[in-house]
Amino acid sequence: MAKQRERIGQVQLEVLQYVADHHPIRVGEVAEHFSSTQGKARTTIMTVMEKLREKGYLSRKKRDGIYHYSPRVPKNEIMVSVVQRFVEESLGGSVSPFIAFLAKSGKLSKSELVKLKRLARELETKDEEHRR
């Protein structure tokens, strides 16, 4: 993310991802989803969404007297921030354990493997350019 935003917890992340996938969306729609999938109360979801708005992750616009929420940053930027936080805090800044996990898990699809190889080539190119 370009601008450093306050960190968010797991429930906030789940709500933010749902809003990012379904925006613009009303609190009631988000609450209905989390009530049926996780048993969360509407008031909980409303509080989470308002906290996300205060932290700069969500925006809201009133349409026909009802607030509709949208993310302020693209979902891919949200995920980059989450992965960066995970690598720094859980893996001590090293991606090696994560790469080892991917290699052993066998959970990469063919298209994900192609993307990973492309990213590795890009990193090699950047490293070579940096050494010059």
C-alpha atoms as a PDB file:
ATOM      1  CA  MET A   1       0.000   0.000   0.000  1.00  0.00           C
ATOM      2  CA  ALA A   2       1.323   3.395  -0.866  1.00  0.00           C
ATOM      3  CA  LYS A   3       0.206   5.078   2.354  1.00  0.00           C
ATOM      4  CA  GLN A   4       0.910   3.295   5.642  1.00  0.00           C
ATOM      5  CA  ARG A   5      -2.424   2.463   7.251  1.00  0.00           C
ATOM      6  CA  GLU A   6      -3.179   1.179  10.708  1.00  0.00           C
ATOM      7  CA  ARG A   7      -2.995  -2.596  10.922  1.00  0.00           C
ATOM      8  CA  ILE A   8      -6.131  -4.664  10.969  1.00  0.00           C
ATOM      9  CA  GLY A   9      -7.126  -7.879  12.673  1.00  0.00           C
ATOM     10  CA  GLN A  10      -8.349 -11.133  11.147  1.00  0.00           C
ATOM     11  CA  VAL A  11     -12.083 -10.335  11.311  1.00  0.00           C
ATOM     12  CA  GLN A  12     -11.451  -6.876   9.867  1.00  0.00           C
ATOM     13  CA  LEU A  13      -9.455  -8.455   7.045  1.00  0.00           C
ATOM     14  CA  GLU A  14     -12.243 -10.928   6.275  1.00  0.00           C
ATOM     15  CA  VAL A  15     -14.830  -8.141   6.185  1.00  0.00           C
ATOM     16  CA  LEU A  16     -12.566  -5.955   4.054  1.00  0.00           C
ATOM     17  CA  GLN A  17     -12.016  -8.768   1.562  1.00  0.00           C
ATOM     18  CA  TYR A  18     -15.752  -9.431   1.361  1.00  0.00           C
ATOM     19  CA  VAL A  19     -16.485  -5.745   0.774  1.00  0.00           C
ATOM     20  CA  ALA A  20     -13.721  -5.610  -1.854  1.00  0.00           C
ATOM     21  CA  ASP A  21     -15.328  -8.538  -3.675  1.00  0.00           C
ATOM     22  CA  HIS A  22     -18.913  -7.191  -3.508  1.00  0.00           C
ATOM     23  CA  HIS A  23     -18.746  -3.394  -3.446  1.00  0.00           C
ATOM     24  CA  PRO A  24     -20.565  -1.105  -3.310  1.00  0.00           C
ATOM     25  CA  ILE A  25     -22.352  -2.932  -0.513  1.00  0.00           C
ATOM     26  CA  ARG A  26     -24.586  -2.115   2.437  1.00  0.00           C
ATOM     27  CA  VAL A  27     -23.841  -3.074   6.039  1.00  0.00           C
ATOM     28  CA  GLY A  28     -26.954  -5.244   6.041  1.00  0.00           C
ATOM     29  CA  GLU A  29     -25.682  -7.322   3.124  1.00  0.00           C
ATOM     30  CA  VAL A  30     -22.280  -7.809   4.747  1.00  0.00           C
ATOM     31  CA  ALA A  31     -23.927  -8.625   8.088  1.00  0.00           C
ATOM     32  CA  GLU A  32     -26.224 -11.161   6.443  1.00  0.00           C
ATOM     33  CA  HIS A  33     -23.233 -12.945   4.907  1.00  0.00           C
ATOM     34  CA  PHE A  34     -21.234 -13.083   8.152  1.00  0.00           C
ATOM     35  CA  SER A  35     -24.295 -14.044  10.174  1.00  0.00           C
ATOM     36  CA  SER A  36     -24.955 -17.048   7.968  1.00  0.00           C
ATOM     37  CA  THR A  37     -21.318 -18.125   7.547  1.00  0.00           C
ATOM     38  CA  GLN A  38     -19.794 -17.269  10.942  1.00  0.00           C
ATOM     39  CA  GLY A  39     -22.662 -16.411  13.265  1.00  0.00           C
ATOM     40  CA  LYS A  40     -21.517 -12.800  13.669  1.00  0.00           C
ATOM     41  CA  ALA A  41     -24.074 -10.217  14.837  1.00  0.00           C
ATOM     42  CA  ARG A  42     -25.057  -7.256  12.686  1.00  0.00           C
ATOM     43  CA  THR A  43     -23.779  -4.848  15.350  1.00  0.00           C
ATOM     44  CA  THR A  44     -20.380  -6.556  15.270  1.00  0.00           C
ATOM     45  CA  ILE A  45     -20.134  -6.199  11.508  1.00  0.00           C
ATOM     46  CA  MET A  46     -21.313  -2.602  11.650  1.00  0.00           C
ATOM     47  CA  THR A  47     -18.614  -1.827  14.240  1.00  0.00           C
ATOM     48  CA  VAL A  48     -15.934  -3.601  12.186  1.00  0.00           C
ATOM     49  CA  MET A  49     -16.904  -1.716   9.036  1.00  0.00           C
ATOM     50  CA  GLU A  50     -16.893   1.618  10.829  1.00  0.00           C
ATOM     51  CA  LYS A  51     -13.435   0.875  12.298  1.00  0.00           C
ATOM     52  CA  LEU A  52     -12.193   0.003   8.800  1.00  0.00           C
ATOM     53  CA  ARG A  53     -13.571   3.309   7.555  1.00  0.00           C
ATOM     54  CA  GLU A  54     -11.862   5.203  10.394  1.00  0.00           C
ATOM     55  CA  LYS A  55      -8.566   3.456   9.579  1.00  0.00           C
ATOM     56  CA  GLY A  56      -8.874   4.503   5.924  1.00  0.00           C
ATOM     57  CA  TYR A  57      -9.621   1.095   4.397  1.00  0.00           C
ATOM     58  CA  LEU A  58     -13.271   1.757   3.491  1.00  0.00           C
ATOM     59  CA  SER A  59     -15.234   4.676   2.132  1.00  0.00           C
ATOM     60  CA  ARG A  60     -18.984   5.126   2.196  1.00  0.00           C
ATOM     61  CA  LYS A  61     -21.490   7.032   0.125  1.00  0.00           C
ATOM     62  CA  LYS A  62     -25.127   7.585   0.882  1.00  0.00           C
ATOM     63  CA  ARG A  63     -27.522   6.430  -1.825  1.00  0.00           C
ATOM     64  CA  ASP A  64     -31.271   6.632  -1.291  1.00  0.00           C
ATOM     65  CA  GLY A  65     -30.648   7.252   2.402  1.00  0.00           C
ATOM     66  CA  ILE A  66     -28.465   4.144   2.879  1.00  0.00           C
ATOM     67  CA  TYR A  67     -24.691   3.993   3.159  1.00  0.00           C
ATOM     68  CA  HIS A  68     -22.884   1.858   0.600  1.00  0.00           C
ATOM     69  CA  TYR A  69     -19.299   0.859   1.386  1.00  0.00           C
ATOM     70  CA  SER A  70     -16.366   0.361  -0.965  1.00  0.00           C
ATOM     71  CA  PRO A  71     -12.675  -0.300  -0.395  1.00  0.00           C
ATOM     72  CA  ARG A  72     -10.314   2.669  -0.616  1.00  0.00           C
ATOM     73  CA  VAL A  73      -7.502   0.465  -1.940  1.00  0.00           C
ATOM     74  CA  PRO A  74      -7.550  -2.367  -4.493  1.00  0.00           C
ATOM     75  CA  LYS A  75      -7.789  -5.888  -3.090  1.00  0.00           C
ATOM     76  CA  ASN A  76      -4.343  -6.825  -4.455  1.00  0.00           C
ATOM     77  CA  GLU A  77      -2.774  -3.999  -2.403  1.00  0.00           C
ATOM     78  CA  ILE A  78      -4.569  -5.249   0.691  1.00  0.00           C
ATOM     79  CA  MET A  79      -3.219  -8.754   0.119  1.00  0.00           C
ATOM     80  CA  VAL A  80       0.334  -7.498  -0.504  1.00  0.00           C
ATOM     81  CA  SER A  81       0.181  -5.720   2.844  1.00  0.00           C
ATOM     82  CA  VAL A  82      -1.128  -8.855   4.585  1.00  0.00           C
ATOM     83  CA  VAL A  83       1.581 -11.055   3.055  1.00  0.00           C
ATOM     84  CA  GLN A  84       4.285  -8.510   3.899  1.00  0.00           C
ATOM     85  CA  ARG A  85       3.098  -8.427   7.503  1.00  0.00           C
ATOM     86  CA  PHE A  86       3.069 -12.233   7.652  1.00  0.00           C
ATOM     87  CA  VAL A  87       6.594 -12.501   6.241  1.00  0.00           C
ATOM     88  CA  GLU A  88       7.965  -9.858   8.593  1.00  0.00           C
ATOM     89  CA  GLU A  89       6.207 -10.985  11.766  1.00  0.00           C
ATOM     90  CA  SER A  90       5.828 -14.735  11.340  1.00  0.00           C
ATOM     91  CA  LEU A  91       8.788 -15.648   9.148  1.00  0.00           C
ATOM     92  CA  GLY A  92      11.324 -13.166  10.485  1.00  0.00           C
ATOM     93  CA  GLY A  93      11.505 -11.359   7.156  1.00  0.00           C
ATOM     94  CA  SER A  94      12.577 -14.411   5.165  1.00  0.00           C
ATOM     95  CA  VAL A  95      10.430 -15.840   2.378  1.00  0.00           C
ATOM     96  CA  SER A  96      12.434 -19.089   2.304  1.00  0.00           C
ATOM     97  CA  PRO A  97      10.055 -20.970   4.663  1.00  0.00           C
ATOM     98  CA  PHE A  98       7.126 -19.887   2.518  1.00  0.00           C
ATOM     99  CA  ILE A  99       8.848 -21.025  -0.694  1.00  0.00           C
ATOM    100  CA  ALA A 100       9.683 -24.355   0.955  1.00  0.00           C
ATOM    101  CA  PHE A 101       6.039 -24.733   1.961  1.00  0.00           C
ATOM    102  CA  LEU A 102       4.875 -24.080  -1.594  1.00  0.00           C
ATOM    103  CA  ALA A 103       7.362 -26.596  -2.982  1.00  0.00           C
ATOM    104  CA  LYS A 104       6.322 -29.339  -0.549  1.00  0.00           C
ATOM    105  CA  SER A 105       2.588 -28.700  -0.452  1.00  0.00           C
ATOM    106  CA  GLY A 106       1.932 -29.383  -4.124  1.00  0.00           C
ATOM    107  CA  LYS A 107      -0.933 -26.892  -3.936  1.00  0.00           C
ATOM    108  CA  LEU A 108       0.238 -24.621  -6.746  1.00  0.00           C
ATOM    109  CA  SER A 109      -1.877 -24.719  -9.868  1.00  0.00           C
ATOM    110  CA  LYS A 110      -0.177 -24.730 -13.246  1.00  0.00           C
ATOM    111  CA  SER A 111      -1.044 -21.052 -13.783  1.00  0.00           C
ATOM    112  CA  GLU A 112       0.275 -20.134 -10.313  1.00  0.00           C
ATOM    113  CA  LEU A 113       3.516 -21.960 -11.074  1.00  0.00           C
ATOM    114  CA  VAL A 114       3.852 -20.037 -14.342  1.00  0.00           C
ATOM    115  CA  LYS A 115       3.324 -16.753 -12.455  1.00  0.00           C
ATOM    116  CA  LEU A 116       5.853 -17.756  -9.796  1.00  0.00           C
ATOM    117  CA  LYS A 117       8.453 -18.568 -12.455  1.00  0.00           C
ATOM    118  CA  ARG A 118       7.806 -15.218 -14.146  1.00  0.00           C
ATOM    119  CA  LEU A 119       8.235 -13.404 -10.830  1.00  0.00           C
ATOM    120  CA  ALA A 120      11.490 -15.283 -10.184  1.00  0.00           C
ATOM    121  CA  ARG A 121      12.809 -14.179 -13.597  1.00  0.00           C
ATOM    122  CA  GLU A 122      11.801 -10.581 -12.840  1.00  0.00           C
ATOM    123  CA  LEU A 123      13.636 -10.750  -9.503  1.00  0.00           C
ATOM    124  CA  GLU A 124      16.743 -12.114 -11.209  1.00  0.00           C
ATOM    125  CA  THR A 125      16.609  -9.275 -13.748  1.00  0.00           C
ATOM    126  CA  LYS A 126      16.259  -6.656 -11.009  1.00  0.00           C
ATOM    127  CA  ASP A 127      19.125  -8.228  -9.083  1.00  0.00           C
ATOM    128  CA  GLU A 128      21.362  -8.182 -12.175  1.00  0.00           C
ATOM    129  CA  GLU A 129      20.472  -4.539 -12.858  1.00  0.00           C
ATOM    130  CA  HIS A 130      21.181  -3.643  -9.232  1.00  0.00           C
ATOM    131  CA  ARG A 131      24.634  -5.235  -9.386  1.00  0.00           C
ATOM    132  CA  ARG A 132      25.652  -3.104 -12.397  1.00  0.00           C
END
